[in-house]
Amino acid sequence: MKFIHIADIHWGMTPDSDRPWSRERAHAIRDTFGEIVKQARIRDVDCLFIAGDLFHRQPLLRDLKEVNYLFSTIPGVRVVLIAGNHDRIRPNSALMSFQWCPNVTFLMEQELTSVYFEDINTQVTGFSYHSAELPEAKLDGVTASSEPRIQILLAHGGDAAHLPIDKGALAKAGFSYAALGHIHKPEIAPNRAYAWPGSPEPLDKTETGPHGMIVGEISPITRMVTRLEFVPMCQAQYLSLVVHVTPATTNGELNHRILEEIQKRGPEHIYRFRIRGKRDPDMEFDFEQLLHKYQVTEVLDETEPQYDFSRLFAEHPSDMIGFFIRALEKEDASPVEKKALYYGIDALLRTTDERS
């Protein structure tokens, strides 16, 4: 039995809503989901498992129609999905009366229910959220049925507020595979008993690294996973990079180096830069043009001015500058103390310059 496992699509979300590229990110979520559905047909899989949060919020009827159309393009693929905390089932939800195409099964109950596909001897068990949080460890003690079938568990959770999961117990629960959702970064169990595929597209700057789907295969004889692979699908990644400077680094040189990093990895990605090292005390880095032209969420200047404290103390042994250096310059100074020293000295020197 071949399958694709995804979760946390968040259809309808607009990541980075305050940024110029937000609309492209919203389109990417939908386009990548559409491409995954297409891959289900190309790869000739038997099942597409969606482990919650297909929608970012309560879906409108038009959203359901759009997604249902995509499912209708793969009539030979059994689509099984559950609701997560974001698209949880509500009494007035359009989900309650929506008619899905024949190949779609939505396990909408609050308690574990199952669907059995006789032609591929596969039973899928899962439940949907009906509340924003689920602190109860509902999977504790849950085991696969004794029926000689491929047994799939579909669940959404993995933190204290959303279905806490005992990974060790889950790996021994007897399921052929547990298709999980809620955690936005991919994770595959060492024994391939369970996995989180992560979100197909990264949804904010903390979700670095590749995003995509999980493709797997289960033997109909042993009913165990024989292949499990994470396949990147995202159109863009959030990349966090560090650029080091020296006191000789100029503003133009630094901007050029950052631009080289963007061009090397691709302008379609979204960047966050940390600037570290020692800089000339008179140098002020300006990233305005960089932030305006490229997909850069922020540039954090964590550099420290390269002061010659021995020379400064010799020049200011008895004034405020000398006192500041004596009070704060020490080998085991904490990062906060160092920052206070640099900022303080800089302010005092600027004040001295203005009075001279």
Protein backbone atom coordinates (compact mmCIF):
# COMPACT_ATOMS: atom_id res chain seq x y z
CA MET A 1 0.00 0.00 0.00
CA LYS A 2 1.50 3.31 -1.12
CA PHE A 3 0.61 6.58 0.57
CA ILE A 4 1.34 10.27 0.93
CA HIS A 5 1.10 11.80 4.39
CA ILE A 6 0.73 15.55 4.93
CA ALA A 7 -0.58 17.88 7.65
CA ASP A 8 -0.80 21.54 8.65
CA ILE A 9 -1.44 22.95 5.20
CA HIS A 10 -3.21 25.99 6.72
CA TRP A 11 -5.19 26.81 3.57
CA GLY A 12 -6.35 30.42 3.88
CA MET A 13 -3.38 31.67 5.91
CA THR A 14 -1.35 34.70 4.82
CA PRO A 15 2.16 34.32 6.32
CA ASP A 16 4.19 37.50 6.89
CA SER A 17 1.02 39.56 6.44
CA ASP A 18 2.90 42.82 7.03
CA ARG A 19 5.50 42.11 4.32
CA PRO A 20 5.45 42.86 0.57
CA TRP A 21 5.72 39.15 -0.25
CA SER A 22 2.75 38.05 1.91
CA ARG A 23 0.41 37.50 -1.04
CA GLU A 24 2.96 35.22 -2.73
CA ARG A 25 3.21 33.18 0.46
CA ALA A 26 -0.58 32.78 0.64
CA HIS A 27 -0.62 31.61 -2.99
CA ALA A 28 2.28 29.24 -2.31
CA ILE A 29 0.31 27.43 0.41
CA ARG A 30 -2.50 26.67 -2.06
CA ASP A 31 -0.21 25.93 -5.00
CA THR A 32 1.97 23.51 -3.04
CA PHE A 33 -1.10 21.69 -1.73
CA GLY A 34 -2.33 21.41 -5.31
CA GLU A 35 1.05 20.04 -6.36
CA ILE A 36 0.91 17.41 -3.60
CA VAL A 37 -2.51 16.28 -4.83
CA LYS A 38 -1.03 16.06 -8.31
CA GLN A 39 1.87 14.00 -6.93
CA ALA A 40 -0.64 11.56 -5.44
CA ARG A 41 -1.82 10.84 -8.99
CA ILE A 42 1.67 10.80 -10.54
CA ARG A 43 3.03 8.46 -7.86
CA ASP A 44 -0.06 6.25 -8.11
CA VAL A 45 -0.56 6.13 -4.35
CA ASP A 46 -3.45 4.31 -2.72
CA CYS A 47 -4.05 6.83 0.07
CA LEU A 48 -3.55 10.48 0.92
CA PHE A 49 -3.57 11.04 4.69
CA ILE A 50 -4.13 14.59 6.00
CA ALA A 51 -3.45 14.77 9.74
CA GLY A 52 -5.29 17.97 10.68
CA ASP A 53 -5.20 21.72 10.01
CA LEU A 54 -5.91 21.46 6.32
CA PHE A 55 -7.51 24.88 6.87
CA HIS A 56 -6.07 27.76 8.87
CA ARG A 57 -9.48 28.65 10.31
CA GLN A 58 -13.09 27.60 9.91
CA PRO A 59 -13.38 26.96 6.15
CA LEU A 60 -15.92 28.87 4.13
CA LEU A 61 -18.04 26.99 1.63
CA ARG A 62 -15.91 28.30 -1.24
CA ASP A 63 -12.77 26.90 0.45
CA LEU A 64 -14.38 23.49 0.78
CA LYS A 65 -15.41 23.56 -2.87
CA GLU A 66 -11.88 24.47 -4.01
CA VAL A 67 -10.27 21.70 -1.99
CA ASN A 68 -12.94 19.19 -2.95
CA TYR A 69 -12.32 19.94 -6.62
CA LEU A 70 -8.64 19.06 -6.13
CA PHE A 71 -9.64 15.78 -4.46
CA SER A 72 -11.96 15.03 -7.39
CA THR A 73 -8.94 15.07 -9.72
CA ILE A 74 -7.57 11.94 -7.98
CA PRO A 75 -10.65 9.67 -7.89
CA GLY A 76 -8.53 6.54 -7.50
CA VAL A 77 -6.83 7.84 -4.33
CA ARG A 78 -8.54 7.37 -0.97
CA VAL A 79 -8.28 10.69 0.88
CA VAL A 80 -8.66 10.38 4.66
CA LEU A 81 -8.49 13.47 6.85
CA ILE A 82 -9.17 14.77 10.34
CA ALA A 83 -9.64 18.27 11.77
CA GLY A 84 -6.91 19.83 13.89
CA ASN A 85 -7.07 22.62 16.44
CA HIS A 86 -7.21 25.38 13.79
CA ASP A 87 -9.98 23.89 11.66
CA ARG A 88 -11.74 22.11 14.54
CA ILE A 89 -15.32 20.96 14.09
CA ARG A 90 -17.95 23.46 15.25
CA PRO A 91 -21.76 23.03 15.29
CA ASN A 92 -22.25 25.85 12.75
CA SER A 93 -19.34 24.84 10.51
CA ALA A 94 -19.92 24.47 6.77
CA LEU A 95 -18.18 21.11 7.20
CA MET A 96 -21.26 19.68 8.91
CA SER A 97 -23.38 19.66 5.77
CA PHE A 98 -20.73 19.58 3.05
CA GLN A 99 -20.85 16.71 0.54
CA TRP A 100 -17.35 15.49 -0.27
CA CYS A 101 -16.57 13.61 -3.44
CA PRO A 102 -16.74 9.78 -3.15
CA ASN A 103 -13.03 9.18 -2.58
CA VAL A 104 -12.89 11.41 0.55
CA THR A 105 -13.43 10.22 4.12
CA PHE A 106 -13.50 12.84 6.89
CA LEU A 107 -13.24 11.29 10.39
CA MET A 108 -15.18 14.06 12.15
CA GLU A 109 -16.00 12.42 15.49
CA GLN A 110 -14.39 13.48 18.79
CA GLU A 111 -13.61 9.88 19.66
CA LEU A 112 -11.61 7.35 17.69
CA THR A 113 -13.48 5.97 14.69
CA SER A 114 -12.29 3.88 11.77
CA VAL A 115 -12.79 3.38 8.07
CA TYR A 116 -11.85 0.14 6.33
CA PHE A 117 -10.87 -0.15 2.67
CA GLU A 118 -11.34 -3.80 1.81
CA ASP A 119 -9.63 -3.72 -1.58
CA ILE A 120 -6.31 -2.67 -0.05
CA ASN A 121 -6.98 -4.32 3.36
CA THR A 122 -6.31 -1.04 5.15
CA GLN A 123 -8.03 0.35 8.24
CA VAL A 124 -7.55 4.02 9.17
CA THR A 125 -8.39 5.14 12.70
CA GLY A 126 -8.51 8.72 13.94
CA PHE A 127 -10.53 11.54 15.48
CA SER A 128 -11.04 15.28 14.98
CA TYR A 129 -10.69 18.27 17.28
CA HIS A 130 -13.86 19.93 18.52
CA SER A 131 -11.99 22.43 20.74
CA ALA A 132 -9.00 24.75 20.41
CA GLU A 133 -6.93 22.73 22.88
CA LEU A 134 -6.74 19.10 23.89
CA PRO A 135 -4.51 18.60 26.95
CA GLU A 136 -5.78 15.05 27.48
CA ALA A 137 -3.40 12.30 26.34
CA LYS A 138 -6.15 10.47 24.46
CA LEU A 139 -3.78 8.08 22.73
CA ASP A 140 -2.38 6.64 25.97
CA GLY A 141 -3.25 2.96 26.02
CA VAL A 142 -4.60 2.95 22.46
CA THR A 143 -3.51 -0.08 20.45
CA ALA A 144 -4.20 -1.37 16.97
CA SER A 145 -6.98 -3.89 16.52
CA SER A 146 -6.13 -7.58 16.23
CA GLU A 147 -7.53 -7.78 12.72
CA PRO A 148 -4.91 -8.88 10.14
CA ARG A 149 -5.02 -5.56 8.32
CA ILE A 150 -2.75 -2.65 7.56
CA GLN A 151 -3.51 -0.39 10.52
CA ILE A 152 -3.09 3.38 10.17
CA LEU A 153 -3.51 5.86 13.04
CA LEU A 154 -4.32 9.46 12.12
CA ALA A 155 -3.76 12.02 14.92
CA HIS A 156 -3.00 15.71 15.46
CA GLY A 157 -0.87 16.74 18.42
CA GLY A 158 2.44 16.44 20.19
CA ASP A 159 2.65 19.23 22.78
CA ALA A 160 1.23 19.78 26.27
CA ALA A 161 -1.87 21.66 25.10
CA HIS A 162 -2.58 19.59 22.00
CA LEU A 163 -2.77 15.83 22.49
CA PRO A 164 0.42 15.00 24.41
CA ILE A 165 2.02 11.96 22.79
CA ASP A 166 4.23 9.31 24.37
CA LYS A 167 6.44 8.49 21.39
CA GLY A 168 7.81 5.30 22.91
CA ALA A 169 4.36 3.92 23.64
CA LEU A 170 3.08 4.96 20.23
CA ALA A 171 5.91 3.12 18.50
CA LYS A 172 4.82 -0.08 20.31
CA ALA A 173 1.05 0.35 19.88
CA GLY A 174 0.88 -2.12 17.01
CA PHE A 175 -0.11 0.24 14.20
CA SER A 176 1.54 -0.21 10.84
CA TYR A 177 2.04 3.55 10.78
CA ALA A 178 0.91 6.61 12.76
CA ALA A 179 0.38 9.65 10.52
CA LEU A 180 0.69 12.66 12.81
CA GLY A 181 0.17 16.41 12.48
CA HIS A 182 0.50 19.68 14.45
CA ILE A 183 4.31 19.87 14.65
CA HIS A 184 5.40 22.02 11.70
CA LYS A 185 8.86 20.52 11.21
CA PRO A 186 9.32 17.00 9.80
CA GLU A 187 10.22 14.19 12.17
CA ILE A 188 10.38 10.47 11.39
CA ALA A 189 10.61 7.82 14.12
CA PRO A 190 13.80 5.73 14.05
CA ASN A 191 11.74 2.58 13.48
CA ARG A 192 9.40 4.38 11.02
CA ALA A 193 6.38 3.62 13.22
CA TYR A 194 5.22 7.25 13.15
CA ALA A 195 6.08 10.60 11.60
CA TRP A 196 5.22 14.27 11.50
CA PRO A 197 5.57 15.57 7.93
CA GLY A 198 5.63 19.22 9.03
CA SER A 199 3.78 21.90 7.10
CA PRO A 200 4.17 21.69 3.29
CA GLU A 201 5.11 25.38 3.26
CA PRO A 202 6.89 27.14 6.16
CA LEU A 203 4.48 29.50 7.88
CA ASP A 204 6.75 31.91 9.76
CA LYS A 205 10.42 32.79 10.23
CA THR A 206 10.92 30.22 13.01
CA GLU A 207 10.11 27.36 10.62
CA THR A 208 13.50 27.08 8.96
CA GLY A 209 14.71 24.23 6.80
CA PRO A 210 12.96 22.17 4.09
CA HIS A 211 9.20 21.52 4.18
CA GLY A 212 7.14 19.06 2.22
CA MET A 213 5.41 15.69 2.45
CA ILE A 214 6.10 12.12 3.50
CA VAL A 215 5.84 9.31 0.96
CA GLY A 216 5.66 5.75 2.20
CA GLU A 217 4.92 2.14 1.37
CA ILE A 218 3.58 -0.66 3.58
CA SER A 219 3.93 -4.34 2.74
CA PRO A 220 0.55 -6.10 2.42
CA ILE A 221 2.18 -9.27 3.76
CA THR A 222 4.10 -8.05 6.83
CA ARG A 223 1.86 -4.97 7.22
CA MET A 224 4.98 -3.01 8.14
CA VAL A 225 6.50 0.11 6.57
CA THR A 226 9.04 -0.84 3.92
CA ARG A 227 9.79 2.69 2.69
CA LEU A 228 9.35 6.10 4.29
CA GLU A 229 10.80 9.23 2.75
CA PHE A 230 10.51 12.95 3.37
CA VAL A 231 10.13 14.79 0.05
CA PRO A 232 10.71 18.57 -0.02
CA MET A 233 7.89 20.43 -1.77
CA CYS A 234 8.00 24.03 -0.53
CA GLN A 235 8.47 26.95 -2.89
CA ALA A 236 10.51 28.93 -0.37
CA GLN A 237 12.40 28.37 2.87
CA TYR A 238 13.10 30.66 5.79
CA LEU A 239 16.88 30.81 6.06
CA SER A 240 18.71 32.17 9.09
CA LEU A 241 22.33 33.07 8.31
CA VAL A 242 25.27 34.57 10.20
CA VAL A 243 27.71 36.97 8.54
CA HIS A 244 30.96 37.81 10.34
CA VAL A 245 32.68 41.19 10.09
CA THR A 246 36.01 42.71 11.13
CA PRO A 247 36.97 46.32 11.95
CA ALA A 248 37.96 46.65 8.29
CA THR A 249 34.50 45.73 6.98
CA THR A 250 32.72 48.63 5.32
CA ASN A 251 28.98 49.10 4.90
CA GLY A 252 29.22 48.52 1.14
CA GLU A 253 31.26 45.34 1.58
CA LEU A 254 28.81 43.91 4.13
CA ASN A 255 25.78 44.60 1.95
CA HIS A 256 27.58 43.02 -1.01
CA ARG A 257 28.36 39.88 1.01
CA ILE A 258 24.74 39.58 2.16
CA LEU A 259 23.55 39.98 -1.42
CA GLU A 260 25.95 37.23 -2.53
CA GLU A 261 24.44 34.89 0.09
CA ILE A 262 20.93 35.66 -1.22
CA GLN A 263 21.93 35.09 -4.84
CA LYS A 264 23.78 31.87 -3.98
CA ARG A 265 20.81 30.31 -2.17
CA GLY A 266 18.05 31.88 -4.26
CA PRO A 267 16.01 35.10 -4.06
CA GLU A 268 12.81 33.06 -3.67
CA HIS A 269 13.76 32.26 -0.08
CA ILE A 270 13.11 34.49 2.94
CA TYR A 271 16.14 35.55 4.98
CA ARG A 272 17.10 36.56 8.47
CA PHE A 273 20.68 37.71 8.99
CA ARG A 274 22.75 38.05 12.15
CA ILE A 275 25.84 40.25 11.87
CA ARG A 276 28.58 39.28 14.33
CA GLY A 277 32.17 40.19 15.05
CA LYS A 278 34.17 43.32 15.80
CA ARG A 279 33.56 46.50 13.80
CA ASP A 280 35.18 49.91 13.53
CA PRO A 281 33.62 52.08 16.28
CA ASP A 282 32.91 54.77 13.69
CA MET A 283 31.13 52.36 11.34
CA GLU A 284 27.32 52.29 11.18
CA PHE A 285 25.82 49.58 9.00
CA ASP A 286 22.77 50.52 6.91
CA PHE A 287 20.50 47.75 5.59
CA GLU A 288 17.57 49.86 4.38
CA GLN A 289 18.04 49.14 0.67
CA LEU A 290 18.55 45.44 1.35
CA LEU A 291 15.32 45.21 3.34
CA HIS A 292 13.46 47.09 0.64
CA LYS A 293 14.66 45.10 -2.40
CA TYR A 294 14.80 41.50 -1.12
CA GLN A 295 12.80 39.07 1.02
CA VAL A 296 14.66 39.82 4.24
CA THR A 297 12.62 39.72 7.45
CA GLU A 298 15.31 41.34 9.60
CA VAL A 299 19.01 42.01 9.98
CA LEU A 300 20.22 41.83 13.56
CA ASP A 301 23.39 43.82 14.18
CA GLU A 302 25.14 41.95 17.00
CA THR A 303 28.58 43.42 16.29
CA GLU A 304 30.79 44.97 18.95
CA PRO A 305 32.94 48.08 18.38
CA GLN A 306 36.66 47.39 18.47
CA TYR A 307 37.75 49.83 21.17
CA ASP A 308 41.31 49.98 22.49
CA PHE A 309 40.33 50.15 26.16
CA SER A 310 43.94 50.35 27.37
CA ARG A 311 44.54 53.46 25.26
CA LEU A 312 41.23 54.99 26.26
CA PHE A 313 41.93 54.42 29.94
CA ALA A 314 45.38 56.01 29.58
CA GLU A 315 43.71 59.06 28.03
CA HIS A 316 40.85 59.20 30.57
CA PRO A 317 42.24 57.79 33.86
CA SER A 318 40.14 59.94 36.18
CA ASP A 319 37.02 60.97 34.30
CA MET A 320 33.74 59.17 33.65
CA ILE A 321 35.18 57.19 30.74
CA GLY A 322 37.99 55.81 32.90
CA PHE A 323 35.53 55.03 35.70
CA PHE A 324 33.25 53.21 33.24
CA ILE A 325 36.12 51.07 31.94
CA ARG A 326 37.33 50.18 35.46
CA ALA A 327 33.82 49.21 36.54
CA LEU A 328 32.87 47.04 33.61
CA GLU A 329 35.96 45.75 31.81
CA LYS A 330 36.75 42.32 33.17
CA GLU A 331 37.64 38.98 31.58
CA ASP A 332 34.48 37.18 32.75
CA ALA A 333 32.06 39.95 31.78
CA SER A 334 28.64 38.70 30.78
CA PRO A 335 27.18 39.55 27.34
CA VAL A 336 24.89 42.10 29.02
CA GLU A 337 27.81 43.71 30.82
CA LYS A 338 29.83 43.82 27.61
CA LYS A 339 26.97 45.45 25.74
CA ALA A 340 26.60 48.01 28.52
CA LEU A 341 30.32 48.75 28.29
CA TYR A 342 30.28 49.25 24.54
CA TYR A 343 27.11 51.35 24.53
CA GLY A 344 28.30 53.40 27.50
CA ILE A 345 31.72 54.11 26.09
CA ASP A 346 30.23 54.97 22.72
CA ALA A 347 27.78 57.43 24.29
CA LEU A 348 30.49 59.05 26.42
CA LEU A 349 32.86 59.42 23.49
CA ARG A 350 30.14 60.97 21.34
CA THR A 351 29.33 63.39 24.17
CA THR A 352 33.01 64.31 24.47
CA ASP A 353 33.26 64.84 20.71
CA GLU A 354 30.22 67.11 20.68
CA ARG A 355 31.64 69.29 23.47
CA SER A 356 35.07 69.65 21.90
